[in-house]
PDB file of N, CA and C in Angstrom:
ATOM      1  N   PHE A   1    -148.062  31.877-137.568  1.00  0.00           N
ATOM      2  CA  PHE A   1    -147.015  32.275-136.637  1.00  0.00           C
ATOM      3  C   PHE A   1    -145.990  33.117-137.394  1.00  0.00           C
ATOM      4  N   CYS A   2    -145.706  34.275-136.880  1.00  0.00           N
ATOM      5  CA  CYS A   2    -144.755  35.185-137.520  1.00  0.00           C
ATOM      6  C   CYS A   2    -143.575  35.409-136.591  1.00  0.00           C
ATOM      7  N   ALA A   3    -142.417  34.982-137.010  1.00  0.00           N
ATOM      8  CA  ALA A   3    -141.213  35.149-136.185  1.00  0.00           C
ATOM      9  C   ALA A   3    -140.665  36.557-136.354  1.00  0.00           C
ATOM     10  N   SER A   4    -140.309  37.169-135.255  1.00  0.00           N
ATOM     11  CA  SER A   4    -139.704  38.504-135.348  1.00  0.00           C
ATOM     12  C   SER A   4    -138.203  38.351-135.554  1.00  0.00           C
ATOM     13  N   THR A   5    -137.650  39.236-136.348  1.00  0.00           N
ATOM     14  CA  THR A   5    -136.218  39.174-136.613  1.00  0.00           C
ATOM     15  C   THR A   5    -135.533  40.299-135.868  1.00  0.00           C
ATOM     16  N   ALA A   6    -134.391  40.000-135.298  1.00  0.00           N
ATOM     17  CA  ALA A   6    -133.611  41.014-134.589  1.00  0.00           C
ATOM     18  C   ALA A   6    -132.925  41.913-135.604  1.00  0.00           C
ATOM     19  N   MET A   7    -132.998  43.204-135.387  1.00  0.00           N
ATOM     20  CA  MET A   7    -132.376  44.152-136.302  1.00  0.00           C
ATOM     21  C   MET A   7    -130.944  44.412-135.841  1.00  0.00           C
ATOM     22  N   GLU A   8    -129.999  44.089-136.697  1.00  0.00           N
ATOM     23  CA  GLU A   8    -128.593  44.295-136.387  1.00  0.00           C
ATOM     24  C   GLU A   8    -128.237  45.761-136.606  1.00  0.00           C
ATOM     25  N   LYS A   9    -127.515  46.356-135.637  1.00  0.00           N
ATOM     26  CA  LYS A   9    -127.034  47.731-135.781  1.00  0.00           C
ATOM     27  C   LYS A   9    -125.519  47.701-135.840  1.00  0.00           C
ATOM     28  N   VAL A  10    -124.963  48.493-136.728  1.00  0.00           N
ATOM     29  CA  VAL A  10    -123.521  48.500-136.936  1.00  0.00           C
ATOM     30  C   VAL A  10    -123.005  49.930-136.830  1.00  0.00           C
ATOM     31  N   GLU A  11    -122.005  50.143-135.972  1.00  0.00           N
ATOM     32  CA  GLU A  11    -121.295  51.423-135.909  1.00  0.00           C
ATOM     33  C   GLU A  11    -120.074  51.276-136.809  1.00  0.00           C
ATOM     34  N   ASN A  12    -119.773  52.294-137.606  1.00  0.00           N
ATOM     35  CA  ASN A  12    -118.643  52.186-138.517  1.00  0.00           C
ATOM     36  C   ASN A  12    -118.068  53.553-138.813  1.00  0.00           C
ATOM     37  N   PHE A  13    -116.977  53.569-139.539  1.00  0.00           N
ATOM     38  CA  PHE A  13    -116.315  54.824-139.875  1.00  0.00           C
ATOM     39  C   PHE A  13    -116.825  55.417-141.182  1.00  0.00           C
ATOM     40  N   PHE A  14    -117.676  54.708-141.911  1.00  0.00           N
ATOM     41  CA  PHE A  14    -118.196  55.192-143.182  1.00  0.00           C
ATOM     42  C   PHE A  14    -119.242  56.291-143.013  1.00  0.00           C
ATOM     43  N   HIS A  15    -120.031  56.192-141.934  1.00  0.00           N
ATOM     44  CA  HIS A  15    -121.216  57.041-141.811  1.00  0.00           C
ATOM     45  C   HIS A  15    -121.439  57.376-140.344  1.00  0.00           C
ATOM     46  N   GLU A  16    -121.872  58.601-140.063  1.00  0.00           N
ATOM     47  CA  GLU A  16    -122.026  59.055-138.681  1.00  0.00           C
ATOM     48  C   GLU A  16    -123.184  58.389-137.943  1.00  0.00           C
ATOM     49  N   CYS A  17    -124.194  57.918-138.636  1.00  0.00           N
ATOM     50  CA  CYS A  17    -125.325  57.225-138.006  1.00  0.00           C
ATOM     51  C   CYS A  17    -125.033  55.724-137.920  1.00  0.00           C
ATOM     52  N   ALA A  18    -125.696  55.059-136.970  1.00  0.00           N
ATOM     53  CA  ALA A  18    -125.599  53.598-136.915  1.00  0.00           C
ATOM     54  C   ALA A  18    -126.359  53.031-138.112  1.00  0.00           C
ATOM     55  N   LEU A  19    -125.767  52.051-138.767  1.00  0.00           N
ATOM     56  CA  LEU A  19    -126.414  51.410-139.913  1.00  0.00           C
ATOM     57  C   LEU A  19    -127.168  50.188-139.425  1.00  0.00           C
ATOM     58  N   THR A  20    -128.308  49.924-140.020  1.00  0.00           N
ATOM     59  CA  THR A  20    -129.109  48.776-139.623  1.00  0.00           C
ATOM     60  C   THR A  20    -129.214  47.780-140.765  1.00  0.00           C
ATOM     61  N   SER A  21    -129.498  46.542-140.393  1.00  0.00           N
ATOM     62  CA  SER A  21    -129.634  45.482-141.378  1.00  0.00           C
ATOM     63  C   SER A  21    -130.839  44.612-141.032  1.00  0.00           C
ATOM     64  N   PRO A  22    -132.049  45.132-141.220  1.00  0.00           N
ATOM     65  CA  PRO A  22    -133.214  44.311-140.926  1.00  0.00           C
ATOM     66  C   PRO A  22    -133.366  43.167-141.920  1.00  0.00           C
ATOM     67  N   GLU A  23    -132.969  43.412-143.141  1.00  0.00           N
ATOM     68  CA  GLU A  23    -132.985  42.409-144.201  1.00  0.00           C
ATOM     69  C   GLU A  23    -132.148  42.962-145.345  1.00  0.00           C
ATOM     70  N   ILE A  24    -131.663  42.086-146.170  1.00  0.00           N
ATOM     71  CA  ILE A  24    -130.887  42.550-147.319  1.00  0.00           C
ATOM     72  C   ILE A  24    -131.840  43.179-148.323  1.00  0.00           C
ATOM     73  N   VAL A  25    -131.516  44.355-148.767  1.00  0.00           N
ATOM     74  CA  VAL A  25    -132.349  45.098-149.700  1.00  0.00           C
ATOM     75  C   VAL A  25    -131.893  44.780-151.113  1.00  0.00           C
ATOM     76  N   ALA A  26    -132.790  44.316-151.929  1.00  0.00           N
ATOM     77  CA  ALA A  26    -132.432  44.007-153.315  1.00  0.00           C
ATOM     78  C   ALA A  26    -132.387  45.287-154.138  1.00  0.00           C
ATOM     79  N   ASP A  27    -131.582  45.277-155.166  1.00  0.00           N
ATOM     80  CA  ASP A  27    -131.522  46.364-156.141  1.00  0.00           C
ATOM     81  C   ASP A  27    -131.204  47.718-155.519  1.00  0.00           C
ATOM     82  N   GLY A  28    -130.193  47.758-154.678  1.00  0.00           N
ATOM     83  CA  GLY A  28    -129.768  49.024-154.090  1.00  0.00           C
ATOM     84  C   GLY A  28    -128.484  49.508-154.734  1.00  0.00           C
ATOM     85  N   ILE A  29    -128.167  50.767-154.509  1.00  0.00           N
ATOM     86  CA  ILE A  29    -126.911  51.337-154.987  1.00  0.00           C
ATOM     87  C   ILE A  29    -126.038  51.575-153.764  1.00  0.00           C
ATOM     88  N   CYS A  30    -124.851  50.998-153.750  1.00  0.00           N
ATOM     89  CA  CYS A  30    -123.918  51.178-152.646  1.00  0.00           C
ATOM     90  C   CYS A  30    -123.403  52.619-152.663  1.00  0.00           C
ATOM     91  N   SER A  31    -123.420  53.272-151.510  1.00  0.00           N
ATOM     92  CA  SER A  31    -122.975  54.664-151.403  1.00  0.00           C
ATOM     93  C   SER A  31    -121.461  54.805-151.433  1.00  0.00           C
ATOM     94  N   ILE A  32    -120.730  53.689-151.445  1.00  0.00           N
ATOM     95  CA  ILE A  32    -119.267  53.745-151.490  1.00  0.00           C
ATOM     96  C   ILE A  32    -118.745  53.383-152.874  1.00  0.00           C
ATOM     97  N   CYS A  33    -119.128  52.208-153.394  1.00  0.00           N
ATOM     98  CA  CYS A  33    -118.610  51.777-154.698  1.00  0.00           C
ATOM     99  C   CYS A  33    -119.568  52.107-155.849  1.00  0.00           C
ATOM    100  N   TYR A  34    -120.783  52.518-155.527  1.00  0.00           N
ATOM    101  CA  TYR A  34    -121.816  52.899-156.504  1.00  0.00           C
ATOM    102  C   TYR A  34    -122.240  51.759-157.422  1.00  0.00           C
ATOM    103  N   LYS A  35    -121.979  50.511-157.008  1.00  0.00           N
ATOM    104  CA  LYS A  35    -122.444  49.366-157.787  1.00  0.00           C
ATOM    105  C   LYS A  35    -123.912  49.103-157.461  1.00  0.00           C
ATOM    106  N   ASP A  36    -124.639  48.656-158.456  1.00  0.00           N
ATOM    107  CA  ASP A  36    -126.044  48.307-158.299  1.00  0.00           C
ATOM    108  C   ASP A  36    -126.116  46.840-157.904  1.00  0.00           C
ATOM    109  N   GLU A  37    -126.143  46.584-156.601  1.00  0.00           N
ATOM    110  CA  GLU A  37    -126.209  45.215-156.103  1.00  0.00           C
ATOM    111  C   GLU A  37    -126.886  45.209-154.741  1.00  0.00           C
ATOM    112  N   SER A  38    -127.036  44.047-154.164  1.00  0.00           N
ATOM    113  CA  SER A  38    -127.719  43.931-152.877  1.00  0.00           C
ATOM    114  C   SER A  38    -127.014  44.761-151.814  1.00  0.00           C
ATOM    115  N   VAL A  39    -127.802  45.474-151.035  1.00  0.00           N
ATOM    116  CA  VAL A  39    -127.283  46.318-149.967  1.00  0.00           C
ATOM    117  C   VAL A  39    -127.420  45.558-148.656  1.00  0.00           C
ATOM    118  N   GLU A  40    -126.334  45.491-147.878  1.00  0.00           N
ATOM    119  CA  GLU A  40    -126.358  44.747-146.624  1.00  0.00           C
ATOM    120  C   GLU A  40    -126.673  45.628-145.418  1.00  0.00           C
ATOM    121  N   PHE A  41    -126.187  46.871-145.412  1.00  0.00           N
ATOM    122  CA  PHE A  41    -126.440  47.793-144.303  1.00  0.00           C
ATOM    123  C   PHE A  41    -126.973  49.104-144.857  1.00  0.00           C
ATOM    124  N   THR A  42    -127.864  49.737-144.114  1.00  0.00           N
ATOM    125  CA  THR A  42    -128.487  50.959-144.607  1.00  0.00           C
ATOM    126  C   THR A  42    -128.768  51.949-143.486  1.00  0.00           C
ATOM    127  N   CYS A  43    -128.799  53.204-143.837  1.00  0.00           N
ATOM    128  CA  CYS A  43    -129.295  54.273-142.973  1.00  0.00           C
ATOM    129  C   CYS A  43    -130.431  54.913-143.763  1.00  0.00           C
ATOM    130  N   LYS A  44    -131.643  54.504-143.475  1.00  0.00           N
ATOM    131  CA  LYS A  44    -132.794  54.972-144.261  1.00  0.00           C
ATOM    132  C   LYS A  44    -132.992  56.483-144.193  1.00  0.00           C
ATOM    133  N   PRO A  45    -132.859  57.136-143.020  1.00  0.00           N
ATOM    134  CA  PRO A  45    -133.062  58.596-142.994  1.00  0.00           C
ATOM    135  C   PRO A  45    -132.094  59.358-143.904  1.00  0.00           C
ATOM    136  N   CYS A  46    -130.865  58.859-144.055  1.00  0.00           N
ATOM    137  CA  CYS A  46    -129.855  59.546-144.875  1.00  0.00           C
ATOM    138  C   CYS A  46    -129.748  58.977-146.284  1.00  0.00           C
ATOM    139  N   ASN A  47    -130.476  57.890-146.571  1.00  0.00           N
ATOM    140  CA  ASN A  47    -130.373  57.197-147.855  1.00  0.00           C
ATOM    141  C   ASN A  47    -128.929  56.779-148.134  1.00  0.00           C
ATOM    142  N   PHE A  48    -128.270  56.203-147.117  1.00  0.00           N
ATOM    143  CA  PHE A  48    -126.887  55.742-147.210  1.00  0.00           C
ATOM    144  C   PHE A  48    -126.901  54.227-147.147  1.00  0.00           C
ATOM    145  N   ASN A  49    -126.336  53.565-148.164  1.00  0.00           N
ATOM    146  CA  ASN A  49    -126.357  52.105-148.268  1.00  0.00           C
ATOM    147  C   ASN A  49    -124.954  51.565-148.488  1.00  0.00           C
ATOM    148  N   ILE A  50    -124.683  50.387-147.920  1.00  0.00           N
ATOM    149  CA  ILE A  50    -123.385  49.736-148.116  1.00  0.00           C
ATOM    150  C   ILE A  50    -123.616  48.287-148.534  1.00  0.00           C
ATOM    151  N   CYS A  51    -122.917  47.872-149.593  1.00  0.00           N
ATOM    152  CA  CYS A  51    -122.989  46.475-150.032  1.00  0.00           C
ATOM    153  C   CYS A  51    -122.108  45.615-149.123  1.00  0.00           C
ATOM    154  N   LYS A  52    -122.223  44.319-149.262  1.00  0.00           N
ATOM    155  CA  LYS A  52    -121.469  43.395-148.411  1.00  0.00           C
ATOM    156  C   LYS A  52    -119.963  43.582-148.574  1.00  0.00           C
ATOM    157  N   GLY A  53    -119.495  43.741-149.807  1.00  0.00           N
ATOM    158  CA  GLY A  53    -118.060  43.904-150.044  1.00  0.00           C
ATOM    159  C   GLY A  53    -117.497  45.145-149.380  1.00  0.00           C
ATOM    160  N   CYS A  54    -118.182  46.266-149.513  1.00  0.00           N
ATOM    161  CA  CYS A  54    -117.700  47.520-148.925  1.00  0.00           C
ATOM    162  C   CYS A  54    -117.822  47.526-147.407  1.00  0.00           C
ATOM    163  N   SER A  55    -118.759  46.754-146.858  1.00  0.00           N
ATOM    164  CA  SER A  55    -118.918  46.710-145.403  1.00  0.00           C
ATOM    165  C   SER A  55    -117.713  46.066-144.726  1.00  0.00           C
ATOM    166  N   LYS A  56    -116.909  45.344-145.489  1.00  0.00           N
ATOM    167  CA  LYS A  56    -115.740  44.660-144.937  1.00  0.00           C
ATOM    168  C   LYS A  56    -114.428  45.414-145.175  1.00  0.00           C
ATOM    169  N   LEU A  57    -114.500  46.600-145.782  1.00  0.00           N
ATOM    170  CA  LEU A  57    -113.282  47.370-146.036  1.00  0.00           C
ATOM    171  C   LEU A  57    -112.650  47.823-144.726  1.00  0.00           C
ATOM    172  N   PRO A  58    -111.318  47.728-144.618  1.00  0.00           N
ATOM    173  CA  PRO A  58    -110.651  48.214-143.407  1.00  0.00           C
ATOM    174  C   PRO A  58    -110.555  49.737-143.429  1.00  0.00           C
ATOM    175  N   GLN A  59    -110.464  50.338-142.251  1.00  0.00           N
ATOM    176  CA  GLN A  59    -110.345  51.795-142.194  1.00  0.00           C
ATOM    177  C   GLN A  59    -108.944  52.240-142.588  1.00  0.00           C
ATOM    178  N   LYS A  60    -107.929  51.460-142.213  1.00  0.00           N
ATOM    179  CA  LYS A  60    -106.548  51.821-142.538  1.00  0.00           C
ATOM    180  C   LYS A  60    -105.821  50.615-143.121  1.00  0.00           C
ATOM    181  N   VAL A  61    -104.941  50.874-144.093  1.00  0.00           N
ATOM    182  CA  VAL A  61    -104.129  49.822-144.704  1.00  0.00           C
ATOM    183  C   VAL A  61    -102.727  50.361-144.951  1.00  0.00           C
ATOM    184  N   SER A  62    -101.791  49.451-145.090  1.00  0.00           N
ATOM    185  CA  SER A  62    -100.448  49.852-145.512  1.00  0.00           C
ATOM    186  C   SER A  62    -100.284  49.458-146.972  1.00  0.00           C
ATOM    187  N   HIS A  63     -99.447  50.200-147.687  1.00  0.00           N
ATOM    188  CA  HIS A  63     -99.228  49.924-149.098  1.00  0.00           C
ATOM    189  C   HIS A  63     -97.790  50.256-149.458  1.00  0.00           C
ATOM    190  N   ASP A  64     -97.204  49.443-150.332  1.00  0.00           N
ATOM    191  CA  ASP A  64     -95.813  49.630-150.747  1.00  0.00           C
ATOM    192  C   ASP A  64     -95.579  50.952-151.472  1.00  0.00           C
ATOM    193  N   PHE A  65     -96.587  51.499-152.135  1.00  0.00           N
ATOM    194  CA  PHE A  65     -96.424  52.767-152.856  1.00  0.00           C
ATOM    195  C   PHE A  65     -96.253  53.954-151.919  1.00  0.00           C
ATOM    196  N   HIS A  66     -96.689  53.817-150.674  1.00  0.00           N
ATOM    197  CA  HIS A  66     -96.576  54.904-149.694  1.00  0.00           C
ATOM    198  C   HIS A  66     -96.255  54.270-148.334  1.00  0.00           C
ATOM    199  N   PRO A  67     -95.025  53.769-148.159  1.00  0.00           N
ATOM    200  CA  PRO A  67     -94.692  52.970-146.981  1.00  0.00           C
ATOM    201  C   PRO A  67     -94.526  53.752-145.677  1.00  0.00           C
ATOM    202  N   ASP A  68     -94.401  55.072-145.736  1.00  0.00           N
ATOM    203  CA  ASP A  68     -94.132  55.847-144.523  1.00  0.00           C
ATOM    204  C   ASP A  68     -95.356  56.044-143.629  1.00  0.00           C
ATOM    205  N   HIS A  69     -96.555  55.909-144.188  1.00  0.00           N
ATOM    206  CA  HIS A  69     -97.775  56.150-143.422  1.00  0.00           C
ATOM    207  C   HIS A  69     -98.824  55.113-143.784  1.00  0.00           C
ATOM    208  N   LEU A  70     -99.733  54.843-142.842  1.00  0.00           N
ATOM    209  CA  LEU A  70    -100.906  54.041-143.166  1.00  0.00           C
ATOM    210  C   LEU A  70    -101.828  54.874-144.039  1.00  0.00           C
ATOM    211  N   LEU A  71    -102.499  54.230-144.961  1.00  0.00           N
ATOM    212  CA  LEU A  71    -103.484  54.905-145.794  1.00  0.00           C
ATOM    213  C   LEU A  71    -104.846  54.739-145.133  1.00  0.00           C
ATOM    214  N   GLU A  72    -105.579  55.829-145.005  1.00  0.00           N
ATOM    215  CA  GLU A  72    -106.864  55.817-144.321  1.00  0.00           C
ATOM    216  C   GLU A  72    -107.991  56.009-145.325  1.00  0.00           C
ATOM    217  N   PHE A  73    -109.017  55.171-145.206  1.00  0.00           N
ATOM    218  CA  PHE A  73    -110.174  55.275-146.083  1.00  0.00           C
ATOM    219  C   PHE A  73    -110.915  56.566-145.764  1.00  0.00           C
ATOM    220  N   CYS A  74    -111.113  57.398-146.768  1.00  0.00           N
ATOM    221  CA  CYS A  74    -111.816  58.674-146.580  1.00  0.00           C
ATOM    222  C   CYS A  74    -112.923  58.770-147.613  1.00  0.00           C
ATOM    223  N   LEU A  75    -114.129  58.958-147.156  1.00  0.00           N
ATOM    224  CA  LEU A  75    -115.273  59.098-148.041  1.00  0.00           C
ATOM    225  C   LEU A  75    -115.636  60.569-148.126  1.00  0.00           C
ATOM    226  N   HIS A  76    -115.692  61.098-149.358  1.00  0.00           N
ATOM    227  CA  HIS A  76    -116.066  62.492-149.600  1.00  0.00           C
ATOM    228  C   HIS A  76    -115.109  63.474-148.937  1.00  0.00           C
ATOM    229  N   GLN A  77    -113.846  63.398-149.272  1.00  0.00           N
ATOM    230  CA  GLN A  77    -112.879  64.356-148.753  1.00  0.00           C
ATOM    231  C   GLN A  77    -113.051  65.680-149.476  1.00  0.00           C
ATOM    232  N   TYR A  78    -113.285  66.740-148.736  1.00  0.00           N
ATOM    233  CA  TYR A  78    -113.548  68.045-149.331  1.00  0.00           C
ATOM    234  C   TYR A  78    -112.279  68.803-149.683  1.00  0.00           C
ATOM    235  N   ASP A  79    -111.135  68.385-149.147  1.00  0.00           N
ATOM    236  CA  ASP A  79    -109.897  69.115-149.400  1.00  0.00           C
ATOM    237  C   ASP A  79    -109.088  68.530-150.549  1.00  0.00           C
ATOM    238  N   GLN A  80    -109.654  67.641-151.324  1.00  0.00           N
ATOM    239  CA  GLN A  80    -108.926  67.034-152.431  1.00  0.00           C
ATOM    240  C   GLN A  80    -109.216  67.759-153.735  1.00  0.00           C
ATOM    241  N   LYS A  81    -108.217  67.783-154.590  1.00  0.00           N
ATOM    242  CA  LYS A  81    -108.428  68.248-155.954  1.00  0.00           C
ATOM    243  C   LYS A  81    -108.968  67.062-156.745  1.00  0.00           C
ATOM    244  N   PRO A  82    -109.838  67.289-157.717  1.00  0.00           N
ATOM    245  CA  PRO A  82    -110.365  66.162-158.504  1.00  0.00           C
ATOM    246  C   PRO A  82    -109.241  65.361-159.153  1.00  0.00           C
ATOM    247  N   GLY A  83    -109.262  64.051-158.962  1.00  0.00           N
ATOM    248  CA  GLY A  83    -108.267  63.178-159.571  1.00  0.00           C
ATOM    249  C   GLY A  83    -106.995  63.016-158.767  1.00  0.00           C
ATOM    250  N   TYR A  84    -106.915  63.609-157.585  1.00  0.00           N
ATOM    251  CA  TYR A  84    -105.717  63.514-156.758  1.00  0.00           C
ATOM    252  C   TYR A  84    -106.074  63.090-155.340  1.00  0.00           C
ATOM    253  N   ILE A  85    -105.103  62.478-154.677  1.00  0.00           N
ATOM    254  CA  ILE A  85    -105.251  62.061-153.288  1.00  0.00           C
ATOM    255  C   ILE A  85    -104.140  62.727-152.492  1.00  0.00           C
ATOM    256  N   VAL A  86    -104.467  63.230-151.302  1.00  0.00           N
ATOM    257  CA  VAL A  86    -103.486  63.875-150.442  1.00  0.00           C
ATOM    258  C   VAL A  86    -103.277  63.003-149.212  1.00  0.00           C
ATOM    259  N   CYS A  87    -102.016  62.727-148.874  1.00  0.00           N
ATOM    260  CA  CYS A  87    -101.693  61.970-147.670  1.00  0.00           C
ATOM    261  C   CYS A  87    -101.866  62.894-146.466  1.00  0.00           C
ATOM    262  N   SER A  88    -102.707  62.500-145.512  1.00  0.00           N
ATOM    263  CA  SER A  88    -102.917  63.338-144.332  1.00  0.00           C
ATOM    264  C   SER A  88    -101.732  63.265-143.377  1.00  0.00           C
ATOM    265  N   GLY A  89    -100.844  62.281-143.557  1.00  0.00           N
ATOM    266  CA  GLY A  89     -99.659  62.161-142.714  1.00  0.00           C
ATOM    267  C   GLY A  89     -98.538  63.087-143.118  1.00  0.00           C
ATOM    268  N   CYS A  90     -98.245  63.172-144.426  1.00  0.00           N
ATOM    269  CA  CYS A  90     -97.109  63.971-144.888  1.00  0.00           C
ATOM    270  C   CYS A  90     -97.502  65.109-145.818  1.00  0.00           C
ATOM    271  N   GLY A  91     -98.740  65.115-146.311  1.00  0.00           N
ATOM    272  CA  GLY A  91     -99.192  66.188-147.190  1.00  0.00           C
ATOM    273  C   GLY A  91     -98.846  65.989-148.650  1.00  0.00           C
ATOM    274  N   ASN A  92     -98.179  64.896-149.013  1.00  0.00           N
ATOM    275  CA  ASN A  92     -97.846  64.642-150.415  1.00  0.00           C
ATOM    276  C   ASN A  92     -99.112  64.362-151.218  1.00  0.00           C
ATOM    277  N   MET A  93     -99.127  64.846-152.452  1.00  0.00           N
ATOM    278  CA  MET A  93    -100.269  64.656-153.340  1.00  0.00           C
ATOM    279  C   MET A  93     -99.870  63.696-154.455  1.00  0.00           C
ATOM    280  N   SER A  94    -100.776  62.787-154.807  1.00  0.00           N
ATOM    281  CA  SER A  94    -100.498  61.885-155.919  1.00  0.00           C
ATOM    282  C   SER A  94    -101.753  61.714-156.756  1.00  0.00           C
ATOM    283  N   CYS A  95    -101.555  61.268-157.988  1.00  0.00           N
ATOM    284  CA  CYS A  95    -102.662  61.056-158.912  1.00  0.00           C
ATOM    285  C   CYS A  95    -103.451  59.842-158.456  1.00  0.00           C
ATOM    286  N   ALA A  96    -104.771  59.951-158.420  1.00  0.00           N
ATOM    287  CA  ALA A  96    -105.624  58.866-157.939  1.00  0.00           C
ATOM    288  C   ALA A  96    -105.866  57.797-158.988  1.00  0.00           C
ATOM    289  N   SER A  97    -105.526  58.045-160.234  1.00  0.00           N
ATOM    290  CA  SER A  97    -105.826  57.057-161.273  1.00  0.00           C
ATOM    291  C   SER A  97    -104.685  56.110-161.498  1.00  0.00           C
TER     292      SER A  97
END
């Protein structure tokens, strides 16, 4: 007897495709933190993987270092200079390190 497993689909702000979780994939590389650990959600056509820790990241957070605006998680921002982060609310640039 072989039980079928329901495939979970997740819509998120990290990736334009729905991510699926048929089973946890061992020895994957997370496309967000680049750690080599178990991947919880994946988009096989795009080779995009997310570990359990990164799957729980909020899209927006507040922080004392920049209290005037919420900080928004941005993956692969093309308008950034290497090593710097730009606030999309006010345009201020700060060092990312």
